[in-house]
C-alpha atoms as a PDB file:
ATOM      1  CA  UNK A   1      76.358  98.036  87.777  1.00  0.00           C
ATOM      2  CA  UNK A   2      76.737 100.776  90.359  1.00  0.00           C
ATOM      3  CA  UNK A   3      79.318 100.089  93.039  1.00  0.00           C
ATOM      4  CA  UNK A   4      78.693 101.469  96.512  1.00  0.00           C
ATOM      5  CA  UNK A   5      81.600 102.900  98.448  1.00  0.00           C
ATOM      6  CA  UNK A   6      81.740 102.395 102.191  1.00  0.00           C
ATOM      7  CA  UNK A   7      83.704 104.512 104.601  1.00  0.00           C
ATOM      8  CA  UNK A   8      87.297 103.647 105.408  1.00  0.00           C
ATOM      9  CA  UNK A   9      86.457 103.596 109.103  1.00  0.00           C
ATOM     10  CA  UNK A  10      84.037 100.733 108.565  1.00  0.00           C
ATOM     11  CA  UNK A  11      86.624  98.706 106.657  1.00  0.00           C
ATOM     12  CA  UNK A  12      89.911  99.654 108.229  1.00  0.00           C
ATOM     13  CA  UNK A  13      92.724 101.196 106.220  1.00  0.00           C
ATOM     14  CA  UNK A  14      94.409  98.007 105.062  1.00  0.00           C
ATOM     15  CA  UNK A  15      91.188  96.364 103.925  1.00  0.00           C
ATOM     16  CA  UNK A  16      90.069  99.539 102.146  1.00  0.00           C
ATOM     17  CA  UNK A  17      93.422  99.701 100.374  1.00  0.00           C
ATOM     18  CA  UNK A  18      93.163  96.055  99.326  1.00  0.00           C
ATOM     19  CA  UNK A  19      89.635  96.650  98.053  1.00  0.00           C
ATOM     20  CA  UNK A  20      90.821  99.648  96.024  1.00  0.00           C
ATOM     21  CA  UNK A  21      93.549  97.469  94.509  1.00  0.00           C
ATOM     22  CA  UNK A  22      90.930  94.847  93.691  1.00  0.00           C
ATOM     23  CA  UNK A  23      88.868  97.462  91.893  1.00  0.00           C
ATOM     24  CA  UNK A  24      91.919  98.385  89.841  1.00  0.00           C
ATOM     25  CA  UNK A  25      92.583  94.742  88.950  1.00  0.00           C
ATOM     26  CA  UNK A  26      89.159  94.556  87.312  1.00  0.00           C
ATOM     27  CA  UNK A  27      89.406  97.983  85.671  1.00  0.00           C
ATOM     28  CA  UNK A  28      87.104  99.909  88.014  1.00  0.00           C
ATOM     29  CA  UNK A  29      89.161 103.067  88.411  1.00  0.00           C
ATOM     30  CA  UNK A  30      86.391 105.315  89.752  1.00  0.00           C
ATOM     31  CA  UNK A  31      85.550 103.211  92.825  1.00  0.00           C
ATOM     32  CA  UNK A  32      89.284 102.774  93.433  1.00  0.00           C
ATOM     33  CA  UNK A  33      89.801 106.521  93.237  1.00  0.00           C
ATOM     34  CA  UNK A  34      86.960 107.155  95.654  1.00  0.00           C
ATOM     35  CA  UNK A  35      88.417 104.700  98.162  1.00  0.00           C
ATOM     36  CA  UNK A  36      91.919 106.133  97.768  1.00  0.00           C
ATOM     37  CA  UNK A  37      90.525 109.620  98.451  1.00  0.00           C
ATOM     38  CA  UNK A  38      88.872 108.361 101.636  1.00  0.00           C
ATOM     39  CA  UNK A  39      92.070 106.586 102.683  1.00  0.00           C
ATOM     40  CA  UNK A  40      94.103 109.762 102.143  1.00  0.00           C
ATOM     41  CA  UNK A  41      91.573 111.764 104.162  1.00  0.00           C
ATOM     42  CA  UNK A  42      91.588 109.214 106.993  1.00  0.00           C
ATOM     43  CA  UNK A  43      95.392 108.944 107.070  1.00  0.00           C
ATOM     44  CA  UNK A  44      96.725 112.264 105.835  1.00  0.00           C
ATOM     45  CA  UNK A  45     100.436 112.291 105.240  1.00  0.00           C
ATOM     46  CA  UNK A  46     103.064 111.978 102.577  1.00  0.00           C
ATOM     47  CA  UNK A  47     103.645 108.208 102.993  1.00  0.00           C
ATOM     48  CA  UNK A  48      99.960 107.532 102.309  1.00  0.00           C
ATOM     49  CA  UNK A  49     100.141 109.490  99.068  1.00  0.00           C
ATOM     50  CA  UNK A  50     103.306 107.617  98.058  1.00  0.00           C
ATOM     51  CA  UNK A  51     101.591 104.282  98.615  1.00  0.00           C
ATOM     52  CA  UNK A  52      98.540 105.341  96.620  1.00  0.00           C
ATOM     53  CA  UNK A  53     100.740 106.780  93.867  1.00  0.00           C
ATOM     54  CA  UNK A  54     102.725 103.555  93.582  1.00  0.00           C
ATOM     55  CA  UNK A  55      99.523 101.578  93.284  1.00  0.00           C
ATOM     56  CA  UNK A  56      98.166 103.839  90.527  1.00  0.00           C
ATOM     57  CA  UNK A  57     101.512 103.433  88.745  1.00  0.00           C
ATOM     58  CA  UNK A  58     101.410  99.659  89.077  1.00  0.00           C
ATOM     59  CA  UNK A  59      98.092  99.639  87.224  1.00  0.00           C
ATOM     60  CA  UNK A  60      99.224 101.987  84.458  1.00  0.00           C
ATOM     61  CA  UNK A  61      97.378 105.064  85.742  1.00  0.00           C
ATOM     62  CA  UNK A  62     100.383 107.344  85.365  1.00  0.00           C
ATOM     63  CA  UNK A  63      98.622 110.716  85.558  1.00  0.00           C
ATOM     64  CA  UNK A  64      96.937 109.745  88.797  1.00  0.00           C
ATOM     65  CA  UNK A  65     100.217 108.349  90.115  1.00  0.00           C
ATOM     66  CA  UNK A  66     102.007 111.629  89.353  1.00  0.00           C
ATOM     67  CA  UNK A  67      99.290 113.605  91.136  1.00  0.00           C
ATOM     68  CA  UNK A  68      99.583 111.468  94.286  1.00  0.00           C
ATOM     69  CA  UNK A  69     103.372 111.614  94.302  1.00  0.00           C
ATOM     70  CA  UNK A  70     103.255 115.389  93.813  1.00  0.00           C
ATOM     71  CA  UNK A  71     100.866 115.621  96.770  1.00  0.00           C
ATOM     72  CA  UNK A  72     103.307 113.580  98.849  1.00  0.00           C
ATOM     73  CA  UNK A  73     106.212 115.848  97.925  1.00  0.00           C
ATOM     74  CA  UNK A  74     104.166 118.938  98.662  1.00  0.00           C
ATOM     75  CA  UNK A  75     103.492 117.641 102.174  1.00  0.00           C
ATOM     76  CA  UNK A  76     107.074 116.488 102.730  1.00  0.00           C
ATOM     77  CA  UNK A  77     109.790 117.141 100.126  1.00  0.00           C
ATOM     78  CA  UNK A  78     112.012 114.552 101.833  1.00  0.00           C
ATOM     79  CA  UNK A  79     109.479 111.719 101.912  1.00  0.00           C
ATOM     80  CA  UNK A  80     111.087 108.405 101.045  1.00  0.00           C
ATOM     81  CA  UNK A  81     110.546 106.996  97.585  1.00  0.00           C
ATOM     82  CA  UNK A  82     108.380 109.795  96.149  1.00  0.00           C
ATOM     83  CA  UNK A  83     111.312 110.988  94.029  1.00  0.00           C
ATOM     84  CA  UNK A  84     111.903 107.548  92.536  1.00  0.00           C
ATOM     85  CA  UNK A  85     108.505 106.766  91.084  1.00  0.00           C
END
């Protein structure tokens, strides 16, 4: 089954994030990744990358989590929590 991805603007950031988490709960990492990329583009900043990285980590996607946390640290080396995950 092909899953369509809508824009973050149509959903709102919080709903898009919840939907991405729902995709991860059922093992659909590609749609989750696409939504996370749109969220990061819509809300650029280190805290957004930390939040996405924590979510990837929570679902055992450690390589993706590391990439998001590295992106957060690149944007702001002092961003809260990025050093701890």
